[in-house]
């Protein structure tokens, strides 16, 4: 089947998922166009892909699920029997229902899933878990996933007979995120607005960036990563409690799962 263009659709607040999808795309021999949903958009864009496009979807796992913000964006993304591959990255605990959820959503919007993968990564909150992953070995595996997708695109005349099965349960586990809303040190904050401009959830006001709406915050840690003044943080007590809890259920040596 002749594929025209590679469409990259992803959600990556701290940049790890973006690294993974870009490395995968690098090994697929197609011109690509990116749609990054990591920055808040009050009006969700409408994307329509053709049957001769190839879509690559990627997102981190939040509590065993696809981030709710990403699924909101996916509601406006449609295909026309468009072949697709899925990627989830997770902080070395489990990805549980995330791949199944993403597969179900995109297939209900006109896509045909022909490949999927779950890649362990450094935990976005407790960075000692899975530290510096994806590492060199991980990136090799990610690249090989892209090579296999490229081979399938070139060799298959039709994708109709391909049936990809991924793990997960339906109904999905209850959606939740770790309730850690960053606080602002007013003595350090210069009100530059960098945090507000990059917040995926729109939880920080440009008019008063020292305040964060805890009801909107998804604890993605992006605001902490971008603050050059180190004015935003999570309390050390809450971090220690979270670390002690996560270290009991996370394994930093998790391996990738690939479904072809």
Protein backbone atom coordinates (compact mmCIF):
# COMPACT_ATOMS: atom_id res chain seq x y z
CA UNK A 1 0.00 0.00 0.00
CA UNK A 2 1.37 3.40 -0.99
CA UNK A 3 1.56 5.67 2.09
CA UNK A 4 1.72 9.41 1.50
CA UNK A 5 2.72 10.99 4.82
CA UNK A 6 3.46 10.18 8.46
CA UNK A 7 1.28 12.02 10.99
CA UNK A 8 2.66 12.25 14.53
CA UNK A 9 0.03 12.90 17.21
CA UNK A 10 1.36 13.04 20.75
CA UNK A 11 1.08 14.32 24.31
CA UNK A 12 4.41 14.83 26.08
CA UNK A 13 4.51 17.35 28.94
CA UNK A 14 8.09 16.61 30.03
CA UNK A 15 9.46 15.65 26.61
CA UNK A 16 10.13 11.93 27.13
CA UNK A 17 7.25 10.68 24.99
CA UNK A 18 8.28 13.15 22.29
CA UNK A 19 11.79 11.65 22.24
CA UNK A 20 10.31 8.19 21.83
CA UNK A 21 7.89 9.07 19.02
CA UNK A 22 10.57 11.05 17.17
CA UNK A 23 13.04 8.17 17.38
CA UNK A 24 10.38 5.80 16.07
CA UNK A 25 9.51 8.20 13.24
CA UNK A 26 13.19 8.58 12.32
CA UNK A 27 13.22 4.93 11.25
CA UNK A 28 10.06 5.19 9.16
CA UNK A 29 10.89 6.31 5.65
CA UNK A 30 8.18 8.93 5.29
CA UNK A 31 7.89 12.70 5.40
CA UNK A 32 6.24 13.58 8.71
CA UNK A 33 3.99 16.27 10.18
CA UNK A 34 3.71 16.70 13.98
CA UNK A 35 0.72 17.58 16.14
CA UNK A 36 1.88 18.27 19.70
CA UNK A 37 -1.02 18.40 22.19
CA UNK A 38 1.25 19.10 25.17
CA UNK A 39 0.37 22.80 25.24
CA UNK A 40 -3.11 23.84 26.31
CA UNK A 41 -5.56 24.73 23.57
CA UNK A 42 -8.95 26.04 24.67
CA UNK A 43 -10.36 25.12 21.27
CA UNK A 44 -9.41 21.58 20.33
CA UNK A 45 -8.10 21.37 16.74
CA UNK A 46 -9.91 19.18 14.22
CA UNK A 47 -7.65 16.76 12.32
CA UNK A 48 -8.78 14.58 9.42
CA UNK A 49 -6.38 11.99 8.02
CA UNK A 50 -6.63 10.21 4.67
CA UNK A 51 -6.56 6.48 3.99
CA UNK A 52 -3.07 6.79 2.49
CA UNK A 53 -1.62 8.57 5.56
CA UNK A 54 0.03 6.73 8.44
CA UNK A 55 -0.73 7.93 11.98
CA UNK A 56 1.56 7.44 14.95
CA UNK A 57 -0.07 8.17 18.33
CA UNK A 58 1.91 8.49 21.56
CA UNK A 59 1.23 9.46 25.18
CA UNK A 60 2.54 8.82 28.70
CA UNK A 61 0.56 6.61 31.07
CA UNK A 62 -1.21 8.24 34.00
CA UNK A 63 -2.40 5.75 36.61
CA UNK A 64 -2.67 2.94 34.07
CA UNK A 65 -4.72 5.06 31.65
CA UNK A 66 -4.28 7.44 28.73
CA UNK A 67 -4.19 11.05 30.03
CA UNK A 68 -7.73 12.42 29.96
CA UNK A 69 -6.53 15.60 28.23
CA UNK A 70 -5.12 13.56 25.36
CA UNK A 71 -8.33 11.59 24.87
CA UNK A 72 -10.19 14.91 24.69
CA UNK A 73 -7.98 15.96 21.78
CA UNK A 74 -8.41 12.56 20.13
CA UNK A 75 -12.16 13.13 19.98
CA UNK A 76 -11.46 15.59 17.14
CA UNK A 77 -8.98 13.36 15.28
CA UNK A 78 -10.48 11.13 12.59
CA UNK A 79 -9.19 8.75 9.96
CA UNK A 80 -10.59 7.06 6.91
CA UNK A 81 -9.42 3.52 7.43
CA UNK A 82 -6.05 5.16 8.13
CA UNK A 83 -3.33 2.72 9.29
CA UNK A 84 -1.85 3.62 12.67
CA UNK A 85 0.62 2.58 15.36
CA UNK A 86 0.42 3.30 19.09
CA UNK A 87 3.04 4.15 21.71
CA UNK A 88 2.71 4.58 25.46
CA UNK A 89 5.54 5.44 27.83
CA UNK A 90 5.28 4.65 31.53
CA UNK A 91 7.31 5.32 34.66
CA UNK A 92 8.39 1.74 35.31
CA UNK A 93 5.24 0.67 37.18
CA UNK A 94 2.62 -0.74 34.77
CA UNK A 95 0.81 0.55 31.70
CA UNK A 96 -2.30 -1.52 32.53
CA UNK A 97 -5.26 -0.38 30.38
CA UNK A 98 -3.54 2.48 28.53
CA UNK A 99 -2.75 0.71 25.25
CA UNK A 100 -6.17 -0.91 25.07
CA UNK A 101 -7.84 2.41 25.79
CA UNK A 102 -5.84 4.23 23.11
CA UNK A 103 -6.49 1.46 20.60
CA UNK A 104 -10.22 1.50 21.30
CA UNK A 105 -10.41 5.28 20.96
CA UNK A 106 -8.49 5.60 17.70
CA UNK A 107 -10.20 2.63 16.09
CA UNK A 108 -13.57 4.15 16.93
CA UNK A 109 -12.44 7.23 15.00
CA UNK A 110 -11.57 5.49 11.76
CA UNK A 111 -8.03 4.18 12.26
CA UNK A 112 -6.64 0.68 11.70
CA UNK A 113 -4.03 -0.22 14.33
CA UNK A 114 -1.23 -2.34 12.85
CA UNK A 115 1.42 -2.00 15.60
CA UNK A 116 1.72 -0.96 19.24
CA UNK A 117 4.37 -0.65 21.94
CA UNK A 118 4.83 0.25 25.61
CA UNK A 119 8.23 1.68 26.58
CA UNK A 120 9.48 2.15 30.17
CA UNK A 121 10.77 5.63 30.96
CA UNK A 122 12.07 7.78 33.77
CA UNK A 123 9.24 8.57 36.16
CA UNK A 124 8.14 12.17 35.66
CA UNK A 125 7.75 12.86 39.39
CA UNK A 126 10.30 10.58 41.08
CA UNK A 127 13.18 10.76 38.63
CA UNK A 128 15.31 8.21 40.49
CA UNK A 129 12.84 5.58 39.25
CA UNK A 130 13.92 4.52 35.77
CA UNK A 131 16.56 7.24 35.89
CA UNK A 132 17.71 8.52 32.48
CA UNK A 133 15.48 6.15 30.58
CA UNK A 134 15.06 5.81 27.68
CA UNK A 135 18.77 5.01 27.65
CA UNK A 136 20.95 3.95 24.72
CA UNK A 137 19.63 0.39 24.78
CA UNK A 138 16.04 1.63 24.98
CA UNK A 139 16.56 3.94 22.02
CA UNK A 140 17.87 1.01 19.98
CA UNK A 141 14.69 -0.95 20.77
CA UNK A 142 12.55 2.07 19.92
CA UNK A 143 14.37 2.46 16.62
CA UNK A 144 13.82 -1.22 15.82
CA UNK A 145 10.12 -0.72 16.42
CA UNK A 146 10.20 2.02 13.80
CA UNK A 147 12.08 -0.25 11.40
CA UNK A 148 9.42 -2.96 11.80
CA UNK A 149 6.65 -0.45 11.14
CA UNK A 150 8.48 0.75 8.04
CA UNK A 151 8.91 -2.82 6.82
CA UNK A 152 5.22 -3.53 7.34
CA UNK A 153 4.22 -0.37 5.48
CA UNK A 154 6.41 -1.26 2.51
CA UNK A 155 5.59 -4.97 2.32
CA UNK A 156 1.87 -5.13 3.06
CA UNK A 157 -0.47 -4.57 0.12
CA UNK A 158 -3.39 -4.33 2.54
CA UNK A 159 -3.70 -4.01 6.31
CA UNK A 160 -7.17 -5.56 6.49
CA UNK A 161 -5.98 -8.93 7.81
CA UNK A 162 -3.74 -7.51 10.55
CA UNK A 163 -5.24 -7.94 14.02
CA UNK A 164 -3.20 -6.45 16.86
CA UNK A 165 -4.05 -7.59 20.37
CA UNK A 166 -2.87 -5.52 23.34
CA UNK A 167 -3.26 -6.15 27.09
CA UNK A 168 -5.77 -4.33 29.23
CA UNK A 169 -9.19 -4.62 30.80
CA UNK A 170 -12.56 -3.14 29.95
CA UNK A 171 -14.10 -1.43 31.81
CA UNK A 172 -10.85 0.43 32.42
CA UNK A 173 -9.46 1.07 35.87
CA UNK A 174 -10.68 4.30 37.49
CA UNK A 175 -8.85 7.31 36.07
CA UNK A 176 -6.62 9.14 38.53
CA UNK A 177 -3.39 11.13 38.69
CA UNK A 178 -1.00 11.61 41.59
CA UNK A 179 -2.42 14.65 43.44
CA UNK A 180 0.71 16.79 43.62
CA UNK A 181 0.01 20.39 42.68
CA UNK A 182 3.24 22.43 42.48
CA UNK A 183 3.54 25.43 44.75
CA UNK A 184 5.23 28.74 43.95
CA UNK A 185 7.96 30.44 45.96
CA UNK A 186 6.87 34.08 45.63
CA UNK A 187 10.36 35.29 46.55
CA UNK A 188 11.81 33.56 43.48
CA UNK A 189 8.96 33.96 41.00
CA UNK A 190 9.48 36.80 38.51
CA UNK A 191 6.02 36.33 36.97
CA UNK A 192 7.61 35.71 33.55
CA UNK A 193 4.68 33.46 32.64
CA UNK A 194 6.78 30.61 31.22
CA UNK A 195 4.94 28.07 33.36
CA UNK A 196 1.53 29.36 32.32
CA UNK A 197 2.40 29.27 28.61
CA UNK A 198 3.47 25.61 28.69
CA UNK A 199 0.89 24.15 31.10
CA UNK A 200 -0.99 21.41 29.19
CA UNK A 201 -4.07 21.77 31.40
CA UNK A 202 -4.36 25.55 31.43
CA UNK A 203 -4.09 25.40 35.22
CA UNK A 204 -1.83 28.47 35.56
CA UNK A 205 -3.07 31.98 34.81
CA UNK A 206 -0.88 34.28 32.72
CA UNK A 207 -2.26 37.19 34.73
CA UNK A 208 -1.15 35.64 38.03
CA UNK A 209 1.30 32.76 37.37
CA UNK A 210 2.01 32.38 41.08
CA UNK A 211 -1.34 30.61 41.44
CA UNK A 212 -2.20 27.10 40.22
CA UNK A 213 -5.72 25.72 39.91
CA UNK A 214 -5.42 22.40 41.73
CA UNK A 215 -8.66 21.15 40.13
CA UNK A 216 -7.16 21.50 36.66
CA UNK A 217 -3.56 20.50 37.49
CA UNK A 218 -2.61 17.01 36.24
CA UNK A 219 0.70 16.83 38.17
CA UNK A 220 2.70 16.50 34.96
CA UNK A 221 5.63 18.52 36.39
CA UNK A 222 6.13 20.53 33.20
CA UNK A 223 5.96 23.87 35.02
CA UNK A 224 8.71 22.75 37.40
CA UNK A 225 10.92 21.66 34.51
CA UNK A 226 10.64 24.96 32.63
CA UNK A 227 11.01 27.40 35.54
CA UNK A 228 14.48 28.95 35.26
CA UNK A 229 14.13 30.61 38.64
CA UNK A 230 13.40 27.29 40.43
CA UNK A 231 10.31 28.98 41.88
CA UNK A 232 7.95 26.02 41.45
CA UNK A 233 8.21 22.78 43.42
CA UNK A 234 6.48 19.99 45.30
CA UNK A 235 6.90 19.88 49.08
CA UNK A 236 9.75 17.61 50.14
CA UNK A 237 7.45 15.75 52.54
CA UNK A 238 4.95 14.90 49.79
CA UNK A 239 7.78 13.87 47.48
CA UNK A 240 9.25 11.52 50.09
CA UNK A 241 5.85 9.96 50.73
CA UNK A 242 5.26 9.52 47.00
CA UNK A 243 8.74 8.08 46.47
CA UNK A 244 8.33 5.54 49.29
CA UNK A 245 5.01 4.45 47.84
CA UNK A 246 6.18 4.21 44.22
CA UNK A 247 9.43 2.40 44.97
CA UNK A 248 7.36 -0.50 46.32
CA UNK A 249 5.54 -0.97 43.01
CA UNK A 250 8.00 0.25 40.36
CA UNK A 251 10.90 -1.62 38.74
CA UNK A 252 13.54 0.49 37.04
CA UNK A 253 14.65 -2.43 34.82
CA UNK A 254 11.31 -2.91 33.06
CA UNK A 255 11.50 -4.07 29.43
CA UNK A 256 9.60 -2.81 26.41
CA UNK A 257 6.51 -4.65 25.20
CA UNK A 258 5.99 -4.61 21.42
CA UNK A 259 2.95 -5.85 19.53
CA UNK A 260 3.23 -6.48 15.79
